Amino acid sequence: MARKWLLSVLVGTLACAGIAGAQSFPTRPIRAVVPYAAGGLPDTMTRIASQRMIEILGQQIVVDNRPGAGGISGCELVANAAPDGYTLLIADVAQTAINPALFAKLPYDTLRDFAPVSLMGTSGQFLVAHATVPANTLKELIALARSKPGQLRYGSGGIGSVHHLSMEALKTPLKLDIVHIPYKGAGQAVPALLAGEVSLLFAALPSIAPHVKAGRLKLLGVNTLKRNAQAPDVPTIGELTGIKDYDYPPAIGVMAPAKTPKAVINQLAAAVQKAMRHPDTVARYTTLGIDPVGNTPEQYLAQTRADITKYARAVKASGVKVD
């Protein structure tokens, strides 16, 4: 009887300690590791969201850019960090779902080493063609590609990028022969398209909108399930082709090291969710072509699992392996 009483006291004490720990979090600045250089989409999204999260959490959020190695080094840093909520990963689908399909060995495992907090948002990528391409719709482009197998070339932000896999996921079911020309990032791919080095590519709306308006490029579709609020007249690839569940946008969220206390995860998730609903965040994200999300840890985990499966199929279909 005494042992049962002692056990119940210990359990109650530990529970109270956990509650107290969650209530006191955070007591110092939080580091957000962005596995990209400053100025890119994940970095920009983080800096916008952090302005609101600082107000909500009452602590500074320090953005730590760790570019290089396809984001692997940044992920490894967070995977090995203390699971206390003070070191977070700004997780791009490239690191969480695409890298596991591309690399035979990684110093991290997405599902084992990270605890999803909340998805910040997704950014639809538009299929865009050079003005000289004799196709004004995706249907016409498909007919053109079939009439000239191996003659059309498309650019991307690199092997294994969402730009690359979006096109491969379009080519494979439609049996199209369009040659891939990878560049070192979207910053090089868009100028290559404008110069006529390639005929097509997937790109974020802000990088191509001025050229579409000037008549140098033309929009053919968007790689998301829903139409983009900034270009509602542009149909989705799924609408135009009937390809089921065609959805390949960059998806960027917040993850913590595995074993971070659930109460801390929930507190961080609530902050992300509130930040994503703030009118300033919504307005700034929308201007950049980003759809703010802010879901629960459970929803983000389910989406991450689905993304891992989806991109594994896309990578397999493309035949690409980095090592």
Protein backbone atom coordinates (compact mmCIF):
# COMPACT_ATOMS: atom_id res chain seq x y z
CA MET A 1 0.00 0.00 0.00
CA ALA A 2 2.81 2.34 0.94
CA ARG A 3 4.61 1.55 -2.30
CA LYS A 4 1.49 2.37 -4.33
CA TRP A 5 1.14 5.64 -2.45
CA LEU A 6 4.80 6.51 -3.09
CA LEU A 7 4.42 5.68 -6.79
CA SER A 8 1.37 7.90 -7.14
CA VAL A 9 3.22 10.75 -5.41
CA LEU A 10 6.17 10.37 -7.79
CA VAL A 11 3.93 10.31 -10.87
CA GLY A 12 2.09 13.39 -9.64
CA THR A 13 5.35 15.19 -8.93
CA LEU A 14 6.71 14.43 -12.40
CA ALA A 15 3.48 15.53 -14.04
CA CYS A 16 3.54 18.81 -12.13
CA ALA A 17 7.19 19.32 -13.11
CA GLY A 18 6.27 18.77 -16.77
CA ILE A 19 3.45 21.30 -16.56
CA ALA A 20 5.68 23.80 -14.82
CA GLY A 21 8.38 23.30 -17.47
CA ALA A 22 5.90 23.92 -20.29
CA GLN A 23 4.51 27.00 -18.54
CA SER A 24 8.00 28.48 -18.16
CA PHE A 25 8.99 27.85 -21.79
CA PRO A 26 10.59 29.79 -23.37
CA THR A 27 12.96 31.53 -20.98
CA ARG A 28 15.66 32.40 -23.52
CA PRO A 29 15.97 33.08 -27.28
CA ILE A 30 15.06 30.33 -29.72
CA ARG A 31 17.30 29.45 -32.66
CA ALA A 32 15.62 28.73 -36.00
CA VAL A 33 18.04 26.86 -38.27
CA VAL A 34 17.35 27.59 -41.94
CA PRO A 35 19.29 25.14 -44.17
CA TYR A 36 19.50 27.77 -46.94
CA ALA A 37 21.22 31.09 -47.54
CA ALA A 38 19.55 34.32 -46.48
CA GLY A 39 17.05 35.74 -48.95
CA GLY A 40 15.55 32.47 -50.18
CA LEU A 41 11.95 31.39 -49.69
CA PRO A 42 12.44 29.43 -46.41
CA ASP A 43 14.49 32.30 -44.95
CA THR A 44 11.93 34.93 -45.98
CA MET A 45 9.01 32.90 -44.64
CA THR A 46 10.82 32.39 -41.34
CA ARG A 47 11.64 36.06 -40.87
CA ILE A 48 8.05 37.08 -41.56
CA ALA A 49 6.61 34.44 -39.22
CA SER A 50 9.17 35.10 -36.48
CA GLN A 51 8.01 38.71 -36.13
CA ARG A 52 4.64 37.45 -34.93
CA MET A 53 6.01 34.49 -32.96
CA ILE A 54 8.31 36.78 -30.95
CA GLU A 55 5.22 38.68 -29.79
CA ILE A 56 3.38 35.46 -28.97
CA LEU A 57 6.21 33.63 -27.16
CA GLY A 58 7.82 36.66 -25.55
CA GLN A 59 11.34 35.67 -26.64
CA GLN A 60 13.61 36.50 -29.54
CA ILE A 61 13.89 34.07 -32.45
CA VAL A 62 17.37 34.06 -33.96
CA VAL A 63 17.52 32.94 -37.59
CA ASP A 64 20.63 30.81 -38.19
CA ASN A 65 21.29 30.26 -41.91
CA ARG A 66 23.18 27.01 -42.58
CA PRO A 67 23.31 26.60 -46.38
CA GLY A 68 25.17 23.89 -48.23
CA ALA A 69 25.11 20.15 -48.85
CA GLY A 70 21.49 20.23 -49.96
CA GLY A 71 20.40 21.31 -46.49
CA ILE A 72 21.85 18.16 -44.94
CA SER A 73 24.24 19.92 -42.57
CA GLY A 74 21.49 22.11 -41.14
CA CYS A 75 19.25 19.10 -40.59
CA GLU A 76 22.06 17.18 -38.90
CA LEU A 77 22.71 20.10 -36.55
CA VAL A 78 19.10 20.15 -35.36
CA ALA A 79 18.80 16.36 -35.20
CA ASN A 80 21.71 16.36 -32.72
CA ALA A 81 20.54 19.39 -30.71
CA ALA A 82 19.09 19.18 -27.22
CA PRO A 83 15.38 18.27 -27.40
CA ASP A 84 14.24 21.30 -25.39
CA GLY A 85 12.51 23.47 -28.00
CA TYR A 86 15.30 26.04 -28.21
CA THR A 87 16.75 24.77 -31.50
CA LEU A 88 14.29 24.37 -34.36
CA LEU A 89 14.57 23.33 -37.99
CA ILE A 90 12.89 25.29 -40.75
CA ALA A 91 12.07 22.15 -42.65
CA ASP A 92 11.67 22.20 -46.41
CA VAL A 93 10.13 19.21 -48.17
CA ALA A 94 13.46 18.98 -50.03
CA GLN A 95 15.19 17.91 -46.82
CA THR A 96 12.39 15.98 -45.16
CA ALA A 97 11.01 14.02 -48.14
CA ILE A 98 13.18 14.40 -51.24
CA ASN A 99 16.64 13.87 -49.74
CA PRO A 100 15.67 10.49 -48.22
CA ALA A 101 14.74 9.32 -51.73
CA LEU A 102 17.84 10.78 -53.39
CA PHE A 103 20.58 9.76 -50.97
CA ALA A 104 21.43 6.19 -49.99
CA LYS A 105 22.80 7.47 -46.67
CA LEU A 106 21.87 10.53 -44.64
CA PRO A 107 23.06 11.61 -41.17
CA TYR A 108 19.41 11.99 -40.15
CA ASP A 109 16.11 10.19 -40.50
CA THR A 110 13.11 12.49 -40.91
CA LEU A 111 10.63 10.40 -38.95
CA ARG A 112 13.08 9.21 -36.32
CA ASP A 113 15.05 12.37 -35.58
CA PHE A 114 12.48 15.16 -35.84
CA ALA A 115 9.19 16.06 -34.19
CA PRO A 116 6.93 18.02 -36.56
CA VAL A 117 5.59 21.24 -35.01
CA SER A 118 3.54 22.98 -37.70
CA LEU A 119 3.61 23.60 -41.44
CA MET A 120 4.03 27.31 -42.12
CA GLY A 121 2.97 27.30 -45.75
CA THR A 122 3.30 26.09 -49.31
CA SER A 123 4.36 27.96 -52.43
CA GLY A 124 2.85 26.92 -55.73
CA GLN A 125 5.23 26.61 -58.68
CA PHE A 126 3.95 27.66 -62.10
CA LEU A 127 4.69 25.86 -65.33
CA VAL A 128 5.86 28.65 -67.60
CA ALA A 129 6.95 28.63 -71.24
CA HIS A 130 9.06 31.01 -73.29
CA ALA A 131 6.98 33.26 -75.56
CA THR A 132 8.44 31.62 -78.66
CA VAL A 133 7.13 28.15 -77.74
CA PRO A 134 4.24 27.42 -80.13
CA ALA A 135 1.84 26.37 -77.36
CA ASN A 136 -0.47 28.64 -75.39
CA THR A 137 -2.06 25.96 -73.19
CA LEU A 138 -0.82 22.83 -71.45
CA LYS A 139 -2.88 20.73 -73.86
CA GLU A 140 -1.07 22.33 -76.80
CA LEU A 141 2.28 21.86 -75.04
CA ILE A 142 1.59 18.15 -74.53
CA ALA A 143 0.73 17.79 -78.23
CA LEU A 144 3.90 19.69 -79.16
CA ALA A 145 6.09 17.52 -76.94
CA ARG A 146 4.60 14.35 -78.43
CA SER A 147 5.20 15.61 -81.96
CA LYS A 148 8.83 16.48 -81.16
CA PRO A 149 10.13 13.88 -78.70
CA GLY A 150 13.45 14.87 -77.12
CA GLN A 151 13.48 18.31 -78.73
CA LEU A 152 11.97 20.41 -75.94
CA ARG A 153 14.16 21.23 -72.94
CA TYR A 154 13.09 22.25 -69.46
CA GLY A 155 15.13 23.92 -66.76
CA SER A 156 15.07 23.39 -63.01
CA GLY A 157 16.70 24.60 -59.82
CA GLY A 158 18.76 21.41 -59.71
CA ILE A 159 18.54 17.63 -59.70
CA GLY A 160 16.00 16.51 -57.14
CA SER A 161 14.49 19.99 -56.69
CA VAL A 162 10.71 20.42 -56.61
CA HIS A 163 11.02 22.10 -60.01
CA HIS A 164 12.68 18.97 -61.39
CA LEU A 165 10.32 16.46 -59.77
CA SER A 166 7.22 18.48 -60.66
CA MET A 167 8.08 18.06 -64.33
CA GLU A 168 9.02 14.40 -63.94
CA ALA A 169 5.69 13.76 -62.22
CA LEU A 170 4.01 15.38 -65.25
CA LYS A 171 6.12 13.65 -67.89
CA THR A 172 5.88 10.11 -66.52
CA PRO A 173 2.11 9.47 -66.63
CA LEU A 174 1.77 11.36 -69.93
CA LYS A 175 4.80 9.59 -71.45
CA LEU A 176 6.46 12.82 -72.58
CA ASP A 177 10.08 13.04 -73.73
CA ILE A 178 11.31 16.46 -72.55
CA VAL A 179 15.00 16.90 -71.71
CA HIS A 180 16.03 18.11 -68.25
CA ILE A 181 18.63 20.89 -67.94
CA PRO A 182 19.49 21.45 -64.24
CA TYR A 183 20.83 24.76 -62.97
CA LYS A 184 22.27 25.82 -59.62
CA GLY A 185 19.04 27.16 -58.18
CA ALA A 186 15.96 28.90 -59.53
CA GLY A 187 17.96 32.13 -59.61
CA GLN A 188 19.86 30.73 -62.61
CA ALA A 189 17.02 28.77 -64.20
CA VAL A 190 14.68 31.72 -64.78
CA PRO A 191 17.32 33.83 -66.63
CA ALA A 192 18.13 30.73 -68.70
CA LEU A 193 14.47 30.49 -69.72
CA LEU A 194 14.37 34.18 -70.61
CA ALA A 195 17.52 33.72 -72.71
CA GLY A 196 15.94 30.82 -74.59
CA GLU A 197 18.38 28.19 -73.30
CA VAL A 198 15.34 26.13 -72.23
CA SER A 199 11.70 26.26 -73.29
CA LEU A 200 9.96 25.50 -69.99
CA LEU A 201 10.30 25.36 -66.24
CA PHE A 202 8.42 25.46 -62.97
CA ALA A 203 9.00 28.65 -60.98
CA ALA A 204 7.54 30.72 -58.16
CA LEU A 205 5.19 33.47 -59.30
CA PRO A 206 7.18 36.50 -58.01
CA SER A 207 10.20 35.50 -60.10
CA ILE A 208 8.25 35.27 -63.34
CA ALA A 209 5.25 37.62 -62.96
CA PRO A 210 6.95 40.72 -64.47
CA HIS A 211 8.07 38.70 -67.49
CA VAL A 212 4.59 37.21 -67.97
CA LYS A 213 3.11 40.71 -67.84
CA ALA A 214 5.67 41.90 -70.41
CA GLY A 215 4.77 39.04 -72.75
CA ARG A 216 8.14 37.31 -72.57
CA LEU A 217 6.74 34.25 -70.79
CA LYS A 218 3.37 32.53 -70.61
CA LEU A 219 1.73 30.63 -67.75
CA LEU A 220 0.39 27.14 -68.46
CA GLY A 221 -0.52 25.70 -65.04
CA VAL A 222 0.33 25.48 -61.35
CA ASN A 223 1.62 22.41 -59.46
CA THR A 224 -0.79 22.54 -56.49
CA LEU A 225 -4.16 20.95 -55.73
CA LYS A 226 -5.84 24.37 -55.55
CA ARG A 227 -5.46 27.40 -57.78
CA ASN A 228 -3.19 30.16 -56.52
CA ALA A 229 -4.88 33.23 -55.04
CA GLN A 230 -2.49 35.53 -56.90
CA ALA A 231 -3.28 33.92 -60.27
CA PRO A 232 -6.77 32.40 -59.96
CA ASP A 233 -7.23 32.17 -63.73
CA VAL A 234 -4.34 29.71 -64.09
CA PRO A 235 -5.63 26.12 -63.80
CA THR A 236 -3.90 23.43 -61.78
CA ILE A 237 -1.95 20.70 -63.57
CA GLY A 238 -4.38 18.18 -62.11
CA GLU A 239 -7.37 20.02 -63.60
CA LEU A 240 -5.76 20.11 -67.01
CA THR A 241 -4.42 16.56 -67.18
CA GLY A 242 -6.55 14.49 -64.84
CA ILE A 243 -3.42 13.34 -62.97
CA LYS A 244 -4.74 12.43 -59.53
CA ASP A 245 -3.30 14.20 -56.46
CA TYR A 246 -0.79 16.18 -58.52
CA ASP A 247 0.65 18.43 -55.79
CA TYR A 248 4.38 19.28 -55.69
CA PRO A 249 4.91 22.72 -54.15
CA PRO A 250 7.68 23.61 -51.70
CA ALA A 251 6.21 22.92 -48.24
CA ILE A 252 8.04 24.66 -45.42
CA GLY A 253 7.41 24.20 -41.72
CA VAL A 254 8.91 23.99 -38.27
CA MET A 255 10.35 20.83 -36.73
CA ALA A 256 12.07 20.21 -33.42
CA PRO A 257 14.51 17.48 -32.36
CA ALA A 258 12.85 14.18 -31.55
CA LYS A 259 11.92 13.68 -27.88
CA THR A 260 11.17 17.37 -27.38
CA PRO A 261 8.45 17.44 -24.68
CA LYS A 262 4.95 17.28 -26.13
CA ALA A 263 3.87 20.31 -24.12
CA VAL A 264 6.66 22.38 -25.69
CA ILE A 265 5.78 21.10 -29.17
CA ASN A 266 2.16 22.10 -28.64
CA GLN A 267 3.14 25.55 -27.38
CA LEU A 268 5.36 26.14 -30.41
CA ALA A 269 2.65 24.82 -32.74
CA ALA A 270 0.10 27.18 -31.24
CA ALA A 271 2.50 30.08 -31.85
CA VAL A 272 3.02 29.09 -35.50
CA GLN A 273 -0.70 28.65 -36.02
CA LYS A 274 -1.47 32.06 -34.54
CA ALA A 275 1.31 33.68 -36.59
CA MET A 276 -0.05 32.13 -39.79
CA ARG A 277 -3.50 33.62 -39.09
CA HIS A 278 -2.18 37.12 -38.41
CA PRO A 279 -3.37 39.59 -41.11
CA ASP A 280 0.18 40.87 -41.69
CA THR A 281 1.54 37.35 -42.26
CA VAL A 282 -1.34 36.44 -44.55
CA ALA A 283 -0.90 39.62 -46.61
CA ARG A 284 2.88 39.29 -46.96
CA TYR A 285 2.77 35.57 -47.70
CA THR A 286 0.03 36.02 -50.29
CA THR A 287 2.04 38.72 -52.06
CA LEU A 288 4.89 36.21 -52.35
CA GLY A 289 2.59 33.50 -53.72
CA ILE A 290 2.64 31.55 -50.44
CA ASP A 291 -0.42 29.86 -48.98
CA PRO A 292 -0.15 30.12 -45.16
CA VAL A 293 -1.16 26.90 -43.36
CA GLY A 294 -0.40 26.57 -39.64
CA ASN A 295 -1.61 23.02 -38.92
CA THR A 296 -1.29 20.74 -35.87
CA PRO A 297 1.75 18.54 -35.15
CA GLU A 298 -0.35 15.49 -35.95
CA GLN A 299 -1.47 16.93 -39.29
CA TYR A 300 2.07 17.95 -40.17
CA LEU A 301 3.35 14.48 -39.33
CA ALA A 302 0.68 12.88 -41.55
CA GLN A 303 1.59 15.22 -44.41
CA THR A 304 5.30 14.50 -43.96
CA ARG A 305 4.66 10.76 -44.17
CA ALA A 306 2.59 11.28 -47.33
CA ASP A 307 5.27 13.53 -48.86
CA ILE A 308 7.98 10.92 -48.22
CA THR A 309 5.93 8.33 -50.11
CA LYS A 310 4.99 10.73 -52.92
CA TYR A 311 8.50 12.00 -53.58
CA ALA A 312 9.96 8.51 -53.39
CA ARG A 313 7.71 7.63 -56.32
CA ALA A 314 8.71 10.78 -58.21
CA VAL A 315 12.42 10.19 -57.68
CA LYS A 316 12.09 6.55 -58.75
CA ALA A 317 10.23 7.58 -61.89
CA SER A 318 12.92 10.13 -62.73
CA GLY A 319 15.67 7.52 -62.39
CA VAL A 320 17.86 9.98 -60.48
CA LYS A 321 20.18 9.01 -57.63
CA VAL A 322 22.77 11.31 -56.08
CA ASP A 323 24.82 8.52 -54.54
